[in-house]
Amino acid sequence: MGDAMIQFLGYLNASILVILSLRWPYFIWFKRSKKSKESKLLAKTIRRLHPILGGVLVMTGILHGYLAWGWNFRRTGYLLYFFVLLQGILGLGLLKKRKGLKNPHRWVSLMALVLLGLHVFYRTALG
C-alpha cells in the first residue's frame, strides 16, 4: 500500500507540474491565434484551475516526499519541492496584483521542469 501511494502521488505531482507549466505556452499561442468559443472557454478554465492545482501540488508534493524518504533532504525531490514552493509563493504574490513577479514565476517553472527530469531519472544526485 505504501509504495503504491508513493508512486501514485509521484505520478500525480509530475502530471500536475507539467500541466501547470503548459499554461504559459498555451497563452502565448492563444494570443496569436484565431479565438474560437472553445479556446476562450479553455483559457478561462485554465485561469481558474491554475491556482487551485498549484495549491494541490504544494500539498501533495511534501506528502510524497515525506512518505518516500522521511526528512532526508539529500534527494533531488526536496530540491524540486523547494522550487515548487517558491513558485507557489510567487504565484500568491501574483494573486495580490504584483505583476513584477510574473517572469520570476515563469522562470522558476522552467527550473522546476528541469529538476523534475533530474528527479525522475537520477533521484540520488545530491548524495
N, C-alpha and C. Protein backbone atom coordinates (compact mmCIF):
# COMPACT_ATOMS: atom_id res chain seq x y z
N MET A 1 0.83 -1.20 0.00
CA MET A 1 0.00 0.00 0.00
C MET A 1 0.86 1.25 0.00
N GLY A 2 1.92 1.27 0.84
CA GLY A 2 2.75 2.46 0.95
C GLY A 2 3.47 2.80 -0.35
N ASP A 3 4.08 1.80 -0.97
CA ASP A 3 4.79 2.05 -2.22
C ASP A 3 3.84 2.48 -3.34
N ALA A 4 2.66 1.89 -3.35
CA ALA A 4 1.68 2.27 -4.38
C ALA A 4 1.23 3.71 -4.19
N MET A 5 1.06 4.13 -2.93
CA MET A 5 0.65 5.51 -2.64
C MET A 5 1.76 6.48 -3.04
N ILE A 6 2.99 6.14 -2.73
CA ILE A 6 4.12 7.00 -3.09
C ILE A 6 4.21 7.13 -4.61
N GLN A 7 4.06 6.01 -5.30
CA GLN A 7 4.13 6.04 -6.76
C GLN A 7 2.97 6.84 -7.35
N PHE A 8 1.77 6.64 -6.82
CA PHE A 8 0.61 7.39 -7.30
C PHE A 8 0.81 8.89 -7.09
N LEU A 9 1.27 9.29 -5.90
CA LEU A 9 1.50 10.71 -5.63
C LEU A 9 2.59 11.27 -6.54
N GLY A 10 3.61 10.47 -6.81
CA GLY A 10 4.67 10.91 -7.71
C GLY A 10 4.17 11.19 -9.11
N TYR A 11 3.39 10.26 -9.65
CA TYR A 11 2.83 10.47 -10.99
C TYR A 11 1.84 11.62 -11.00
N LEU A 12 1.04 11.73 -9.94
CA LEU A 12 0.08 12.83 -9.85
C LEU A 12 0.81 14.17 -9.82
N ASN A 13 1.85 14.28 -9.00
CA ASN A 13 2.60 15.53 -8.90
C ASN A 13 3.30 15.87 -10.20
N ALA A 14 3.90 14.88 -10.84
CA ALA A 14 4.57 15.14 -12.12
C ALA A 14 3.57 15.61 -13.17
N SER A 15 2.41 14.98 -13.20
CA SER A 15 1.38 15.37 -14.17
C SER A 15 0.89 16.79 -13.91
N ILE A 16 0.63 17.11 -12.64
CA ILE A 16 0.17 18.45 -12.30
C ILE A 16 1.22 19.49 -12.67
N LEU A 17 2.49 19.20 -12.37
CA LEU A 17 3.56 20.15 -12.68
C LEU A 17 3.65 20.41 -14.18
N VAL A 18 3.56 19.37 -14.98
CA VAL A 18 3.63 19.54 -16.43
C VAL A 18 2.41 20.31 -16.93
N ILE A 19 1.23 19.97 -16.43
CA ILE A 19 0.01 20.68 -16.85
C ILE A 19 0.09 22.16 -16.49
N LEU A 20 0.54 22.45 -15.27
CA LEU A 20 0.65 23.85 -14.85
C LEU A 20 1.68 24.60 -15.69
N SER A 21 2.74 23.92 -16.07
CA SER A 21 3.79 24.57 -16.85
C SER A 21 3.38 24.82 -18.29
N LEU A 22 2.38 24.11 -18.77
CA LEU A 22 1.91 24.32 -20.14
C LEU A 22 1.03 25.56 -20.27
N ARG A 23 0.67 26.19 -19.16
CA ARG A 23 -0.19 27.37 -19.22
C ARG A 23 0.48 28.50 -20.00
N TRP A 24 1.73 28.74 -19.74
CA TRP A 24 2.45 29.84 -20.38
C TRP A 24 2.51 29.66 -21.90
N PRO A 25 2.97 28.51 -22.44
CA PRO A 25 2.97 28.36 -23.90
C PRO A 25 1.56 28.40 -24.50
N TYR A 26 0.57 27.89 -23.77
CA TYR A 26 -0.80 27.92 -24.29
C TYR A 26 -1.27 29.36 -24.47
N PHE A 27 -1.00 30.21 -23.49
CA PHE A 27 -1.47 31.58 -23.61
C PHE A 27 -0.70 32.37 -24.66
N ILE A 28 0.55 32.03 -24.88
CA ILE A 28 1.29 32.65 -25.99
C ILE A 28 0.62 32.26 -27.31
N TRP A 29 0.29 30.99 -27.47
CA TRP A 29 -0.40 30.53 -28.68
C TRP A 29 -1.78 31.17 -28.77
N PHE A 30 -2.48 31.27 -27.65
CA PHE A 30 -3.85 31.80 -27.62
C PHE A 30 -3.87 33.26 -28.07
N LYS A 31 -2.87 34.04 -27.67
CA LYS A 31 -2.83 35.46 -28.06
C LYS A 31 -2.62 35.63 -29.56
N ARG A 32 -1.93 34.69 -30.19
CA ARG A 32 -1.59 34.83 -31.61
C ARG A 32 -2.56 34.13 -32.54
N SER A 33 -3.47 33.35 -32.00
CA SER A 33 -4.35 32.56 -32.87
C SER A 33 -5.73 33.17 -32.96
N LYS A 34 -6.48 32.61 -33.88
CA LYS A 34 -7.87 32.99 -34.04
C LYS A 34 -8.65 32.41 -32.86
N LYS A 35 -9.41 33.23 -32.18
CA LYS A 35 -10.07 32.80 -30.95
C LYS A 35 -11.47 32.24 -31.22
N SER A 36 -11.64 30.98 -30.93
CA SER A 36 -12.95 30.35 -31.05
C SER A 36 -13.58 30.30 -29.66
N LYS A 37 -14.84 29.92 -29.61
CA LYS A 37 -15.52 29.80 -28.32
C LYS A 37 -14.86 28.75 -27.44
N GLU A 38 -14.43 27.66 -28.07
CA GLU A 38 -13.82 26.57 -27.31
C GLU A 38 -12.48 27.00 -26.70
N SER A 39 -11.67 27.71 -27.49
CA SER A 39 -10.37 28.13 -26.95
C SER A 39 -10.53 29.19 -25.86
N LYS A 40 -11.54 30.05 -25.98
CA LYS A 40 -11.81 31.02 -24.92
C LYS A 40 -12.27 30.33 -23.65
N LEU A 41 -13.11 29.32 -23.80
CA LEU A 41 -13.57 28.56 -22.64
C LEU A 41 -12.42 27.82 -21.98
N LEU A 42 -11.54 27.24 -22.80
CA LEU A 42 -10.38 26.54 -22.25
C LEU A 42 -9.46 27.51 -21.51
N ALA A 43 -9.23 28.69 -22.08
CA ALA A 43 -8.39 29.69 -21.43
C ALA A 43 -8.99 30.11 -20.08
N LYS A 44 -10.28 30.30 -20.04
CA LYS A 44 -10.95 30.69 -18.80
C LYS A 44 -10.84 29.58 -17.75
N THR A 45 -11.01 28.34 -18.19
CA THR A 45 -10.90 27.20 -17.27
C THR A 45 -9.48 27.08 -16.73
N ILE A 46 -8.49 27.26 -17.60
CA ILE A 46 -7.09 27.18 -17.17
C ILE A 46 -6.79 28.26 -16.14
N ARG A 47 -7.28 29.47 -16.38
CA ARG A 47 -7.05 30.57 -15.43
C ARG A 47 -7.64 30.26 -14.06
N ARG A 48 -8.80 29.64 -14.04
CA ARG A 48 -9.45 29.32 -12.76
C ARG A 48 -8.77 28.16 -12.04
N LEU A 49 -8.34 27.15 -12.79
CA LEU A 49 -7.78 25.95 -12.18
C LEU A 49 -6.31 26.10 -11.78
N HIS A 50 -5.59 27.02 -12.40
CA HIS A 50 -4.15 27.14 -12.18
C HIS A 50 -3.80 27.34 -10.70
N PRO A 51 -4.38 28.31 -9.99
CA PRO A 51 -4.01 28.46 -8.58
C PRO A 51 -4.46 27.28 -7.71
N ILE A 52 -5.57 26.67 -8.05
CA ILE A 52 -6.05 25.52 -7.28
C ILE A 52 -5.10 24.34 -7.43
N LEU A 53 -4.73 24.04 -8.67
CA LEU A 53 -3.79 22.93 -8.91
C LEU A 53 -2.42 23.23 -8.31
N GLY A 54 -2.02 24.49 -8.31
CA GLY A 54 -0.76 24.86 -7.67
C GLY A 54 -0.78 24.55 -6.18
N GLY A 55 -1.87 24.86 -5.52
CA GLY A 55 -2.00 24.54 -4.10
C GLY A 55 -2.01 23.04 -3.85
N VAL A 56 -2.69 22.31 -4.71
CA VAL A 56 -2.71 20.84 -4.60
C VAL A 56 -1.29 20.29 -4.76
N LEU A 57 -0.54 20.84 -5.71
CA LEU A 57 0.83 20.38 -5.94
C LEU A 57 1.71 20.63 -4.72
N VAL A 58 1.57 21.79 -4.10
CA VAL A 58 2.37 22.10 -2.91
C VAL A 58 2.05 21.10 -1.79
N MET A 59 0.78 20.81 -1.59
CA MET A 59 0.38 19.90 -0.51
C MET A 59 0.78 18.44 -0.79
N THR A 60 0.49 17.97 -1.98
CA THR A 60 0.80 16.56 -2.27
C THR A 60 2.29 16.34 -2.49
N GLY A 61 3.02 17.40 -2.86
CA GLY A 61 4.46 17.27 -3.05
C GLY A 61 5.18 16.94 -1.75
N ILE A 62 4.84 17.65 -0.69
CA ILE A 62 5.50 17.38 0.59
C ILE A 62 5.06 16.03 1.14
N LEU A 63 3.83 15.66 0.91
CA LEU A 63 3.35 14.35 1.36
C LEU A 63 4.10 13.22 0.63
N HIS A 64 4.27 13.36 -0.67
CA HIS A 64 5.01 12.37 -1.46
C HIS A 64 6.44 12.25 -0.95
N GLY A 65 7.11 13.38 -0.74
CA GLY A 65 8.49 13.35 -0.29
C GLY A 65 8.64 12.74 1.10
N TYR A 66 7.75 13.10 2.00
CA TYR A 66 7.83 12.56 3.36
C TYR A 66 7.56 11.05 3.38
N LEU A 67 6.56 10.61 2.63
CA LEU A 67 6.26 9.18 2.60
C LEU A 67 7.40 8.38 1.97
N ALA A 68 8.06 8.97 0.99
CA ALA A 68 9.13 8.25 0.29
C ALA A 68 10.42 8.18 1.11
N TRP A 69 10.86 9.31 1.68
CA TRP A 69 12.17 9.35 2.31
C TRP A 69 12.19 9.93 3.71
N GLY A 70 11.06 10.32 4.24
CA GLY A 70 11.08 10.98 5.55
C GLY A 70 11.67 12.37 5.39
N TRP A 71 12.48 12.76 6.34
CA TRP A 71 13.07 14.11 6.26
C TRP A 71 14.52 14.05 5.79
N ASN A 72 14.86 13.13 4.92
CA ASN A 72 16.18 13.03 4.33
C ASN A 72 16.26 14.02 3.16
N PHE A 73 16.93 15.13 3.39
CA PHE A 73 16.94 16.21 2.41
C PHE A 73 18.00 16.05 1.33
N ARG A 74 18.68 14.90 1.29
CA ARG A 74 19.70 14.69 0.27
C ARG A 74 19.15 13.99 -0.95
N ARG A 75 17.96 14.31 -1.32
CA ARG A 75 17.33 13.76 -2.52
C ARG A 75 16.91 14.91 -3.42
N THR A 76 16.88 14.66 -4.70
CA THR A 76 16.53 15.72 -5.65
C THR A 76 15.08 16.15 -5.51
N GLY A 77 14.24 15.30 -4.96
CA GLY A 77 12.83 15.65 -4.78
C GLY A 77 12.64 16.84 -3.87
N TYR A 78 13.46 16.94 -2.82
CA TYR A 78 13.32 18.08 -1.92
C TYR A 78 13.77 19.37 -2.57
N LEU A 79 14.79 19.30 -3.42
CA LEU A 79 15.20 20.48 -4.18
C LEU A 79 14.09 20.88 -5.15
N LEU A 80 13.50 19.91 -5.80
CA LEU A 80 12.36 20.17 -6.67
C LEU A 80 11.22 20.78 -5.87
N TYR A 81 10.95 20.23 -4.68
CA TYR A 81 9.86 20.76 -3.86
C TYR A 81 10.14 22.21 -3.44
N PHE A 82 11.41 22.54 -3.17
CA PHE A 82 11.75 23.92 -2.83
C PHE A 82 11.36 24.86 -3.98
N PHE A 83 11.64 24.46 -5.20
CA PHE A 83 11.28 25.30 -6.35
C PHE A 83 9.77 25.36 -6.55
N VAL A 84 9.07 24.26 -6.29
CA VAL A 84 7.60 24.27 -6.38
C VAL A 84 7.04 25.21 -5.32
N LEU A 85 7.59 25.15 -4.11
CA LEU A 85 7.14 26.03 -3.03
C LEU A 85 7.44 27.49 -3.36
N LEU A 86 8.64 27.76 -3.89
CA LEU A 86 8.99 29.11 -4.31
C LEU A 86 8.04 29.60 -5.40
N GLN A 87 7.71 28.73 -6.31
CA GLN A 87 6.78 29.09 -7.37
C GLN A 87 5.40 29.39 -6.80
N GLY A 88 4.98 28.63 -5.80
CA GLY A 88 3.70 28.88 -5.14
C GLY A 88 3.69 30.22 -4.43
N ILE A 89 4.78 30.56 -3.78
CA ILE A 89 4.88 31.86 -3.09
C ILE A 89 4.83 32.99 -4.10
N LEU A 90 5.55 32.85 -5.21
CA LEU A 90 5.49 33.87 -6.26
C LEU A 90 4.10 33.96 -6.86
N GLY A 91 3.42 32.83 -7.00
CA GLY A 91 2.05 32.82 -7.51
C GLY A 91 1.10 33.54 -6.57
N LEU A 92 1.29 33.38 -5.27
CA LEU A 92 0.46 34.11 -4.31
C LEU A 92 0.68 35.61 -4.45
N GLY A 93 1.93 35.99 -4.72
CA GLY A 93 2.20 37.41 -4.96
C GLY A 93 1.49 37.92 -6.20
N LEU A 94 1.40 37.07 -7.22
CA LEU A 94 0.67 37.46 -8.44
C LEU A 94 -0.81 37.63 -8.17
N LEU A 95 -1.36 36.80 -7.27
CA LEU A 95 -2.77 36.95 -6.92
C LEU A 95 -3.04 38.29 -6.24
N LYS A 96 -2.00 38.83 -5.61
CA LYS A 96 -2.13 40.13 -4.95
C LYS A 96 -1.77 41.28 -5.89
N LYS A 97 -1.80 41.00 -7.19
CA LYS A 97 -1.61 42.00 -8.26
C LYS A 97 -0.19 42.57 -8.31
N ARG A 98 0.80 41.76 -7.97
CA ARG A 98 2.19 42.19 -8.10
C ARG A 98 2.72 41.65 -9.42
N LYS A 99 2.55 42.43 -10.48
CA LYS A 99 2.87 41.96 -11.84
C LYS A 99 4.36 41.72 -12.05
N GLY A 100 5.21 42.33 -11.24
CA GLY A 100 6.65 42.14 -11.40
C GLY A 100 7.10 40.72 -11.08
N LEU A 101 6.23 39.93 -10.49
CA LEU A 101 6.58 38.56 -10.14
C LEU A 101 6.25 37.56 -11.24
N LYS A 102 5.65 38.04 -12.33
CA LYS A 102 5.22 37.12 -13.39
C LYS A 102 6.40 36.41 -14.05
N ASN A 103 7.44 37.14 -14.43
CA ASN A 103 8.59 36.50 -15.09
C ASN A 103 9.36 35.57 -14.15
N PRO A 104 9.63 35.99 -12.88
CA PRO A 104 10.27 35.01 -11.99
C PRO A 104 9.43 33.75 -11.79
N HIS A 105 8.11 33.90 -11.73
CA HIS A 105 7.21 32.75 -11.59
C HIS A 105 7.38 31.81 -12.79
N ARG A 106 7.52 32.36 -13.98
CA ARG A 106 7.70 31.54 -15.19
C ARG A 106 9.07 30.86 -15.20
N TRP A 107 10.12 31.59 -14.83
CA TRP A 107 11.46 31.02 -14.86
C TRP A 107 11.62 29.92 -13.81
N VAL A 108 11.00 30.11 -12.65
CA VAL A 108 11.04 29.06 -11.64
C VAL A 108 10.30 27.83 -12.14
N SER A 109 9.25 28.03 -12.94
CA SER A 109 8.53 26.92 -13.55
C SER A 109 9.44 26.11 -14.47
N LEU A 110 10.22 26.79 -15.28
CA LEU A 110 11.16 26.09 -16.17
C LEU A 110 12.21 25.32 -15.37
N MET A 111 12.71 25.95 -14.30
CA MET A 111 13.69 25.27 -13.46
C MET A 111 13.07 24.04 -12.78
N ALA A 112 11.81 24.17 -12.38
CA ALA A 112 11.13 23.03 -11.76
C ALA A 112 10.98 21.87 -12.76
N LEU A 113 10.74 22.18 -14.02
CA LEU A 113 10.65 21.12 -15.03
C LEU A 113 12.00 20.42 -15.22
N VAL A 114 13.08 21.20 -15.22
CA VAL A 114 14.42 20.61 -15.33
C VAL A 114 14.68 19.71 -14.12
N LEU A 115 14.34 20.20 -12.93
CA LEU A 115 14.54 19.40 -11.73
C LEU A 115 13.64 18.16 -11.69
N LEU A 116 12.45 18.27 -12.29
CA LEU A 116 11.58 17.10 -12.38
C LEU A 116 12.26 16.01 -13.23
N GLY A 117 12.85 16.41 -14.35
CA GLY A 117 13.58 15.45 -15.16
C GLY A 117 14.74 14.82 -14.40
N LEU A 118 15.48 15.64 -13.66
CA LEU A 118 16.58 15.12 -12.84
C LEU A 118 16.05 14.16 -11.78
N HIS A 119 14.94 14.54 -11.15
CA HIS A 119 14.37 13.70 -10.09
C HIS A 119 13.86 12.36 -10.64
N VAL A 120 13.28 12.39 -11.80
CA VAL A 120 12.74 11.15 -12.37
C VAL A 120 13.88 10.20 -12.77
N PHE A 121 14.95 10.74 -13.36
CA PHE A 121 15.99 9.87 -13.90
C PHE A 121 17.18 9.66 -12.96
N TYR A 122 17.35 10.53 -11.96
CA TYR A 122 18.52 10.40 -11.09
C TYR A 122 18.19 10.98 -9.72
N ARG A 123 17.42 10.25 -8.95
CA ARG A 123 16.91 10.74 -7.66
C ARG A 123 18.00 11.03 -6.65
N THR A 124 19.08 10.29 -6.69
CA THR A 124 20.11 10.41 -5.66
C THR A 124 21.27 11.29 -6.10
N ALA A 125 21.04 12.23 -6.97
CA ALA A 125 22.13 13.07 -7.50
C ALA A 125 22.78 13.92 -6.41
N LEU A 126 22.08 14.18 -5.33
CA LEU A 126 22.63 15.04 -4.28
C LEU A 126 23.36 14.27 -3.19
N GLY A 127 23.34 12.96 -3.24
CA GLY A 127 24.06 12.24 -2.19
C GLY A 127 23.73 10.86 -2.05
